[in-house]
Amino acid sequence: MARVTKQYRVVFLGVMNDEEAFRNNMVKLGVSYNDLDKYITNTPVVLKRDLRLADARKYADAIINAGGLVNIQETGEFPETRSPTERTITSPRQDFVLCPNCGFKQEKEDFCVRCGFDLTSSL
């Protein structure tokens, strides 16, 4: 029986604070100015799709660190393409929380360390 894995997409929601700093940081990551204009103008925009959760988190973290707001969304289940002997070790889901205000992933706390959002009110 083939295993299935959930797939995710990364959705860009906008810029946190300084748009110029965000643009410069994203260019350093290899994104063109033309693409950035499209993303910012047409938010929300799906930036990446069909990712494993770990890959979606890495991608989202890079955008958040550049100053962007993102959301990771589950898109469905698909047959797993990795070999059955390959294993991934992940932390239990309850150890981390994704801030619904800014999208920052952090260890479970009462408040977001990035934007100060009260995470206990969203549980």
C-alpha atoms as a PDB file:
ATOM      1  CA  MET A   1       0.000   0.000   0.000  1.00  0.00           C
ATOM      2  CA  ALA A   2       1.389   3.406  -0.986  1.00  0.00           C
ATOM      3  CA  ARG A   3       1.810   5.942   1.772  1.00  0.00           C
ATOM      4  CA  VAL A   4       0.307   9.368   1.374  1.00  0.00           C
ATOM      5  CA  THR A   5       1.736  12.628   2.553  1.00  0.00           C
ATOM      6  CA  LYS A   6       0.069  15.972   3.086  1.00  0.00           C
ATOM      7  CA  GLN A   7       1.164  18.785   0.829  1.00  0.00           C
ATOM      8  CA  TYR A   8       1.259  22.481   1.601  1.00  0.00           C
ATOM      9  CA  ARG A   9       1.531  25.833  -0.107  1.00  0.00           C
ATOM     10  CA  VAL A  10       3.077  29.104   1.033  1.00  0.00           C
ATOM     11  CA  VAL A  11       0.862  32.177   0.555  1.00  0.00           C
ATOM     12  CA  PHE A  12       2.312  35.694   0.639  1.00  0.00           C
ATOM     13  CA  LEU A  13      -0.002  38.078   2.543  1.00  0.00           C
ATOM     14  CA  GLY A  14       1.953  41.320   2.429  1.00  0.00           C
ATOM     15  CA  VAL A  15       4.834  43.241   3.956  1.00  0.00           C
ATOM     16  CA  MET A  16       5.257  43.545   7.738  1.00  0.00           C
ATOM     17  CA  ASN A  17       6.781  47.016   8.076  1.00  0.00           C
ATOM     18  CA  ASP A  18       9.413  48.495   5.768  1.00  0.00           C
ATOM     19  CA  GLU A  19       8.622  47.670   2.126  1.00  0.00           C
ATOM     20  CA  GLU A  20      12.021  48.849   0.859  1.00  0.00           C
ATOM     21  CA  ALA A  21      13.889  46.630   3.340  1.00  0.00           C
ATOM     22  CA  PHE A  22      11.613  43.715   2.405  1.00  0.00           C
ATOM     23  CA  ARG A  23      12.346  44.249  -1.301  1.00  0.00           C
ATOM     24  CA  ASN A  24      16.108  44.379  -0.690  1.00  0.00           C
ATOM     25  CA  ASN A  25      16.011  41.229   1.436  1.00  0.00           C
ATOM     26  CA  MET A  26      13.950  39.339  -1.150  1.00  0.00           C
ATOM     27  CA  VAL A  27      16.316  40.384  -3.961  1.00  0.00           C
ATOM     28  CA  LYS A  28      19.152  38.892  -1.883  1.00  0.00           C
ATOM     29  CA  LEU A  29      17.123  35.648  -1.886  1.00  0.00           C
ATOM     30  CA  GLY A  30      16.988  35.750  -5.695  1.00  0.00           C
ATOM     31  CA  VAL A  31      13.544  37.262  -6.334  1.00  0.00           C
ATOM     32  CA  SER A  32      13.377  39.847  -9.141  1.00  0.00           C
ATOM     33  CA  TYR A  33      11.979  43.347  -8.617  1.00  0.00           C
ATOM     34  CA  ASN A  34       9.307  42.642 -11.257  1.00  0.00           C
ATOM     35  CA  ASP A  35       8.121  39.552  -9.395  1.00  0.00           C
ATOM     36  CA  LEU A  36       8.112  41.476  -6.103  1.00  0.00           C
ATOM     37  CA  ASP A  37       5.914  44.181  -7.654  1.00  0.00           C
ATOM     38  CA  LYS A  38       3.427  41.503  -8.768  1.00  0.00           C
ATOM     39  CA  TYR A  39       3.433  39.799  -5.362  1.00  0.00           C
ATOM     40  CA  ILE A  40       2.911  43.019  -3.403  1.00  0.00           C
ATOM     41  CA  THR A  41       0.248  44.351  -5.780  1.00  0.00           C
ATOM     42  CA  ASN A  42      -1.738  41.106  -6.007  1.00  0.00           C
ATOM     43  CA  THR A  43      -1.658  39.843  -2.405  1.00  0.00           C
ATOM     44  CA  PRO A  44      -2.549  37.231  -1.346  1.00  0.00           C
ATOM     45  CA  VAL A  45      -0.340  35.281  -3.771  1.00  0.00           C
ATOM     46  CA  VAL A  46       0.640  31.591  -3.703  1.00  0.00           C
ATOM     47  CA  LEU A  47       4.446  31.596  -3.869  1.00  0.00           C
ATOM     48  CA  LYS A  48       5.148  27.872  -3.611  1.00  0.00           C
ATOM     49  CA  ARG A  49       2.894  24.843  -3.764  1.00  0.00           C
ATOM     50  CA  ASP A  50       3.092  21.049  -3.427  1.00  0.00           C
ATOM     51  CA  LEU A  51       5.603  21.179  -0.580  1.00  0.00           C
ATOM     52  CA  ARG A  52       6.125  18.934   2.411  1.00  0.00           C
ATOM     53  CA  LEU A  53       5.444  20.775   5.672  1.00  0.00           C
ATOM     54  CA  ALA A  54       9.133  21.013   6.600  1.00  0.00           C
ATOM     55  CA  ASP A  55       9.953  22.581   3.227  1.00  0.00           C
ATOM     56  CA  ALA A  56       6.993  24.966   3.458  1.00  0.00           C
ATOM     57  CA  ARG A  57       8.171  26.077   6.922  1.00  0.00           C
ATOM     58  CA  LYS A  58      11.712  26.734   5.661  1.00  0.00           C
ATOM     59  CA  TYR A  59      10.391  28.759   2.743  1.00  0.00           C
ATOM     60  CA  ALA A  60       7.977  30.692   4.983  1.00  0.00           C
ATOM     61  CA  ASP A  61      10.705  31.382   7.546  1.00  0.00           C
ATOM     62  CA  ALA A  62      12.932  32.915   4.847  1.00  0.00           C
ATOM     63  CA  ILE A  63      10.136  35.262   3.750  1.00  0.00           C
ATOM     64  CA  ILE A  64       9.248  36.171   7.343  1.00  0.00           C
ATOM     65  CA  ASN A  65      12.902  36.912   8.093  1.00  0.00           C
ATOM     66  CA  ALA A  66      12.951  39.157   4.989  1.00  0.00           C
ATOM     67  CA  GLY A  67      10.012  41.113   6.445  1.00  0.00           C
ATOM     68  CA  GLY A  68       7.041  39.493   4.718  1.00  0.00           C
ATOM     69  CA  LEU A  69       3.797  38.056   6.034  1.00  0.00           C
ATOM     70  CA  VAL A  70       3.005  34.512   4.925  1.00  0.00           C
ATOM     71  CA  ASN A  71       0.611  31.690   5.660  1.00  0.00           C
ATOM     72  CA  ILE A  72       1.137  27.958   5.195  1.00  0.00           C
ATOM     73  CA  GLN A  73      -1.965  26.158   3.915  1.00  0.00           C
ATOM     74  CA  GLU A  74      -2.589  22.435   3.543  1.00  0.00           C
ATOM     75  CA  THR A  75      -3.536  21.575  -0.042  1.00  0.00           C
ATOM     76  CA  GLY A  76      -4.318  17.865   0.232  1.00  0.00           C
ATOM     77  CA  GLU A  77      -2.801  14.403   0.359  1.00  0.00           C
ATOM     78  CA  PHE A  78      -0.691  12.844  -2.372  1.00  0.00           C
ATOM     79  CA  PRO A  79       1.226   9.577  -2.785  1.00  0.00           C
ATOM     80  CA  GLU A  80       4.546   9.795  -1.001  1.00  0.00           C
ATOM     81  CA  THR A  81       7.525   9.740  -3.361  1.00  0.00           C
ATOM     82  CA  ARG A  82      10.253   9.256  -0.765  1.00  0.00           C
ATOM     83  CA  SER A  83      11.676   5.814  -0.229  1.00  0.00           C
ATOM     84  CA  PRO A  84      10.101   3.900   2.680  1.00  0.00           C
ATOM     85  CA  THR A  85      13.506   3.635   4.375  1.00  0.00           C
ATOM     86  CA  GLU A  86      13.927   7.418   4.484  1.00  0.00           C
ATOM     87  CA  ARG A  87      12.669   8.760   7.805  1.00  0.00           C
ATOM     88  CA  THR A  88      12.036  12.289   8.914  1.00  0.00           C
ATOM     89  CA  ILE A  89      12.230  13.257  12.555  1.00  0.00           C
ATOM     90  CA  THR A  90      10.002  16.178  13.484  1.00  0.00           C
ATOM     91  CA  SER A  91       9.181  17.859  16.738  1.00  0.00           C
ATOM     92  CA  PRO A  92       5.739  17.220  18.174  1.00  0.00           C
ATOM     93  CA  ARG A  93       3.182  19.674  16.813  1.00  0.00           C
ATOM     94  CA  GLN A  94       2.372  21.080  20.260  1.00  0.00           C
ATOM     95  CA  ASP A  95       5.962  22.330  20.783  1.00  0.00           C
ATOM     96  CA  PHE A  96       5.613  25.027  18.110  1.00  0.00           C
ATOM     97  CA  VAL A  97       3.000  27.611  17.241  1.00  0.00           C
ATOM     98  CA  LEU A  98       2.468  29.733  14.136  1.00  0.00           C
ATOM     99  CA  CYS A  99       1.406  33.289  14.971  1.00  0.00           C
ATOM    100  CA  PRO A 100      -1.902  34.020  13.224  1.00  0.00           C
ATOM    101  CA  ASN A 101      -1.041  37.736  13.136  1.00  0.00           C
ATOM    102  CA  CYS A 102       2.433  37.747  11.524  1.00  0.00           C
ATOM    103  CA  GLY A 103       2.994  34.100  10.557  1.00  0.00           C
ATOM    104  CA  PHE A 104       6.112  33.679  12.701  1.00  0.00           C
ATOM    105  CA  LYS A 105       6.850  30.117  13.846  1.00  0.00           C
ATOM    106  CA  GLN A 106       8.154  29.863  17.387  1.00  0.00           C
ATOM    107  CA  GLU A 107       8.221  27.596  20.387  1.00  0.00           C
ATOM    108  CA  LYS A 108       4.923  27.655  22.235  1.00  0.00           C
ATOM    109  CA  GLU A 109       4.611  30.854  24.295  1.00  0.00           C
ATOM    110  CA  ASP A 110       1.773  33.108  25.448  1.00  0.00           C
ATOM    111  CA  PHE A 111       2.859  35.962  23.145  1.00  0.00           C
ATOM    112  CA  CYS A 112       4.504  36.091  19.708  1.00  0.00           C
ATOM    113  CA  VAL A 113       8.171  37.040  20.075  1.00  0.00           C
ATOM    114  CA  ARG A 114       8.073  38.919  16.753  1.00  0.00           C
ATOM    115  CA  CYS A 115       4.885  41.033  16.929  1.00  0.00           C
ATOM    116  CA  GLY A 116       3.648  40.591  20.525  1.00  0.00           C
ATOM    117  CA  PHE A 117       0.289  39.053  19.504  1.00  0.00           C
ATOM    118  CA  ASP A 118      -1.522  37.291  22.377  1.00  0.00           C
ATOM    119  CA  LEU A 119      -1.356  33.642  21.274  1.00  0.00           C
ATOM    120  CA  THR A 120      -3.563  32.429  24.135  1.00  0.00           C
ATOM    121  CA  SER A 121      -6.549  34.249  22.624  1.00  0.00           C
ATOM    122  CA  SER A 122      -6.196  32.342  19.335  1.00  0.00           C
ATOM    123  CA  LEU A 123      -6.139  28.841  20.879  1.00  0.00           C
END
